[in-house]
N, C-alpha and C. Protein backbone atom coordinates (compact mmCIF):
# COMPACT_ATOMS: atom_id res chain seq x y z
N MET A 1 -35.34 60.48 -102.33
CA MET A 1 -36.32 60.74 -101.29
C MET A 1 -36.02 59.87 -100.09
N THR A 2 -36.41 60.33 -98.94
CA THR A 2 -36.17 59.59 -97.71
C THR A 2 -37.44 59.52 -96.89
N GLU A 3 -37.38 58.75 -95.79
CA GLU A 3 -38.54 58.67 -94.91
C GLU A 3 -38.90 60.02 -94.33
N GLU A 4 -37.89 60.87 -94.12
CA GLU A 4 -38.15 62.17 -93.53
C GLU A 4 -39.08 63.02 -94.39
N ASN A 5 -39.02 62.86 -95.71
CA ASN A 5 -39.87 63.69 -96.56
C ASN A 5 -41.08 62.93 -97.10
N GLY A 6 -41.44 61.85 -96.44
CA GLY A 6 -42.69 61.18 -96.77
C GLY A 6 -42.58 59.91 -97.58
N ASP A 7 -41.39 59.53 -98.00
CA ASP A 7 -41.25 58.30 -98.78
C ASP A 7 -40.96 57.16 -97.82
N THR A 8 -41.96 56.38 -97.50
CA THR A 8 -41.78 55.29 -96.54
C THR A 8 -41.24 54.03 -97.19
N GLN A 9 -41.15 54.00 -98.52
CA GLN A 9 -40.65 52.81 -99.21
C GLN A 9 -39.19 52.96 -99.60
N GLY A 10 -38.57 54.08 -99.32
CA GLY A 10 -37.17 54.26 -99.64
C GLY A 10 -36.88 54.43 -101.11
N CYS A 11 -37.83 54.89 -101.87
CA CYS A 11 -37.66 55.08 -103.31
C CYS A 11 -36.73 56.26 -103.56
N SER A 12 -35.73 56.06 -104.40
CA SER A 12 -34.80 57.16 -104.69
C SER A 12 -34.98 57.68 -106.11
N SER A 13 -36.06 57.28 -106.79
CA SER A 13 -36.29 57.72 -108.16
C SER A 13 -36.66 59.19 -108.20
N ALA A 14 -36.24 59.84 -109.26
CA ALA A 14 -36.64 61.22 -109.48
C ALA A 14 -38.13 61.25 -109.82
N PRO A 15 -38.85 62.28 -109.40
CA PRO A 15 -40.30 62.33 -109.67
C PRO A 15 -40.65 62.17 -111.14
N GLY A 16 -39.83 62.66 -112.05
CA GLY A 16 -40.11 62.55 -113.48
C GLY A 16 -40.15 61.12 -113.98
N GLU A 17 -39.48 60.22 -113.28
CA GLU A 17 -39.45 58.82 -113.70
C GLU A 17 -40.76 58.11 -113.43
N LEU A 18 -41.62 58.70 -112.63
CA LEU A 18 -42.86 58.04 -112.24
C LEU A 18 -44.08 58.71 -112.84
N ASP A 19 -43.89 59.49 -113.90
CA ASP A 19 -45.00 60.21 -114.50
C ASP A 19 -46.10 59.31 -115.02
N ASP A 20 -45.78 58.06 -115.40
CA ASP A 20 -46.79 57.18 -115.97
C ASP A 20 -47.44 56.28 -114.92
N TRP A 21 -47.19 56.53 -113.66
CA TRP A 21 -47.79 55.74 -112.58
C TRP A 21 -48.89 56.55 -111.93
N PRO A 22 -49.95 55.99 -111.44
CA PRO A 22 -50.21 54.56 -111.49
C PRO A 22 -50.63 54.11 -112.88
N ILE A 23 -50.43 52.85 -113.14
CA ILE A 23 -50.80 52.29 -114.44
C ILE A 23 -52.31 52.33 -114.58
N ASP A 24 -52.78 52.72 -115.74
CA ASP A 24 -54.22 52.76 -116.02
C ASP A 24 -54.68 51.33 -116.31
N VAL A 25 -55.44 50.77 -115.40
CA VAL A 25 -55.88 49.38 -115.51
C VAL A 25 -56.69 49.16 -116.78
N ALA A 26 -57.49 50.12 -117.17
CA ALA A 26 -58.28 49.98 -118.40
C ALA A 26 -57.37 49.84 -119.61
N ASP A 27 -56.27 50.60 -119.65
CA ASP A 27 -55.32 50.49 -120.76
C ASP A 27 -54.64 49.13 -120.77
N VAL A 28 -54.31 48.61 -119.60
CA VAL A 28 -53.67 47.29 -119.52
C VAL A 28 -54.64 46.22 -120.01
N ARG A 29 -55.88 46.31 -119.59
CA ARG A 29 -56.88 45.32 -120.04
C ARG A 29 -57.06 45.37 -121.55
N GLU A 30 -57.12 46.57 -122.12
CA GLU A 30 -57.27 46.71 -123.57
C GLU A 30 -56.06 46.11 -124.29
N SER A 31 -54.88 46.36 -123.77
CA SER A 31 -53.66 45.81 -124.37
C SER A 31 -53.68 44.29 -124.33
N LEU A 32 -54.13 43.73 -123.22
CA LEU A 32 -54.23 42.27 -123.12
C LEU A 32 -55.26 41.71 -124.09
N ARG A 33 -56.40 42.39 -124.25
CA ARG A 33 -57.40 41.95 -125.23
C ARG A 33 -56.81 41.95 -126.64
N GLU A 34 -56.08 43.01 -126.97
CA GLU A 34 -55.46 43.09 -128.29
C GLU A 34 -54.44 41.98 -128.49
N ALA A 35 -53.65 41.70 -127.47
CA ALA A 35 -52.65 40.64 -127.56
C ALA A 35 -53.32 39.28 -127.74
N GLU A 36 -54.39 39.04 -126.99
CA GLU A 36 -55.10 37.77 -127.13
C GLU A 36 -55.72 37.63 -128.51
N ALA A 37 -56.22 38.72 -129.07
CA ALA A 37 -56.79 38.70 -130.42
C ALA A 37 -55.69 38.41 -131.45
N ASP A 38 -54.51 39.00 -131.26
CA ASP A 38 -53.38 38.74 -132.16
C ASP A 38 -53.00 37.26 -132.12
N ILE A 39 -52.94 36.70 -130.94
CA ILE A 39 -52.59 35.28 -130.80
C ILE A 39 -53.64 34.41 -131.48
N ALA A 40 -54.91 34.69 -131.23
CA ALA A 40 -56.00 33.91 -131.83
C ALA A 40 -55.98 33.99 -133.35
N ALA A 41 -55.57 35.14 -133.89
CA ALA A 41 -55.55 35.34 -135.35
C ALA A 41 -54.23 34.88 -135.98
N GLY A 42 -53.31 34.40 -135.15
CA GLY A 42 -52.03 33.94 -135.68
C GLY A 42 -51.05 35.05 -136.00
N ARG A 43 -51.28 36.23 -135.45
CA ARG A 43 -50.37 37.35 -135.70
C ARG A 43 -49.27 37.38 -134.64
N THR A 44 -48.47 36.33 -134.65
CA THR A 44 -47.36 36.22 -133.70
C THR A 44 -46.11 35.80 -134.45
N PHE A 45 -44.98 35.86 -133.77
CA PHE A 45 -43.71 35.45 -134.34
C PHE A 45 -43.09 34.42 -133.43
N GLY A 46 -42.56 33.36 -134.03
CA GLY A 46 -41.86 32.34 -133.27
C GLY A 46 -40.36 32.59 -133.32
N GLU A 47 -39.64 31.79 -132.56
CA GLU A 47 -38.18 31.94 -132.50
C GLU A 47 -37.54 31.82 -133.88
N ASP A 48 -37.96 30.84 -134.67
CA ASP A 48 -37.36 30.64 -135.99
C ASP A 48 -37.57 31.85 -136.90
N GLU A 49 -38.77 32.42 -136.86
CA GLU A 49 -39.05 33.60 -137.69
C GLU A 49 -38.21 34.81 -137.25
N ILE A 50 -38.08 34.99 -135.96
CA ILE A 50 -37.29 36.12 -135.46
C ILE A 50 -35.82 35.94 -135.81
N ARG A 51 -35.30 34.72 -135.63
CA ARG A 51 -33.89 34.46 -135.97
C ARG A 51 -33.65 34.69 -137.46
N ALA A 52 -34.57 34.22 -138.30
CA ALA A 52 -34.41 34.40 -139.75
C ALA A 52 -34.45 35.88 -140.12
N ARG A 53 -35.34 36.62 -139.53
CA ARG A 53 -35.48 38.05 -139.85
C ARG A 53 -34.22 38.83 -139.51
N TYR A 54 -33.61 38.51 -138.36
CA TYR A 54 -32.44 39.26 -137.91
C TYR A 54 -31.12 38.55 -138.16
N GLY A 55 -31.18 37.41 -138.85
CA GLY A 55 -29.96 36.70 -139.21
C GLY A 55 -29.19 36.14 -138.03
N VAL A 56 -29.91 35.70 -137.02
CA VAL A 56 -29.27 35.15 -135.82
C VAL A 56 -29.34 33.63 -135.91
N PRO A 57 -28.19 32.96 -135.91
CA PRO A 57 -28.19 31.50 -136.01
C PRO A 57 -28.66 30.84 -134.71
N ARG A 58 -29.10 29.60 -134.84
CA ARG A 58 -29.46 28.83 -133.64
C ARG A 58 -28.19 28.54 -132.85
N LYS A 59 -28.36 28.37 -131.58
CA LYS A 59 -27.21 28.07 -130.70
C LYS A 59 -26.74 26.66 -130.90
């Protein structure tokens, strides 16, 4: 797209690539609440756990 056809930001993405925009703020807030609840409940993974699971040695 170009400025001539209405794109003033110079975006060259195909229209199909932007189907999920704009982001639904309510969905983002819900996702953040879920993430915060996971952290509070200890449902997270640290570096050591991830390395052990995938067999990746420390540097």
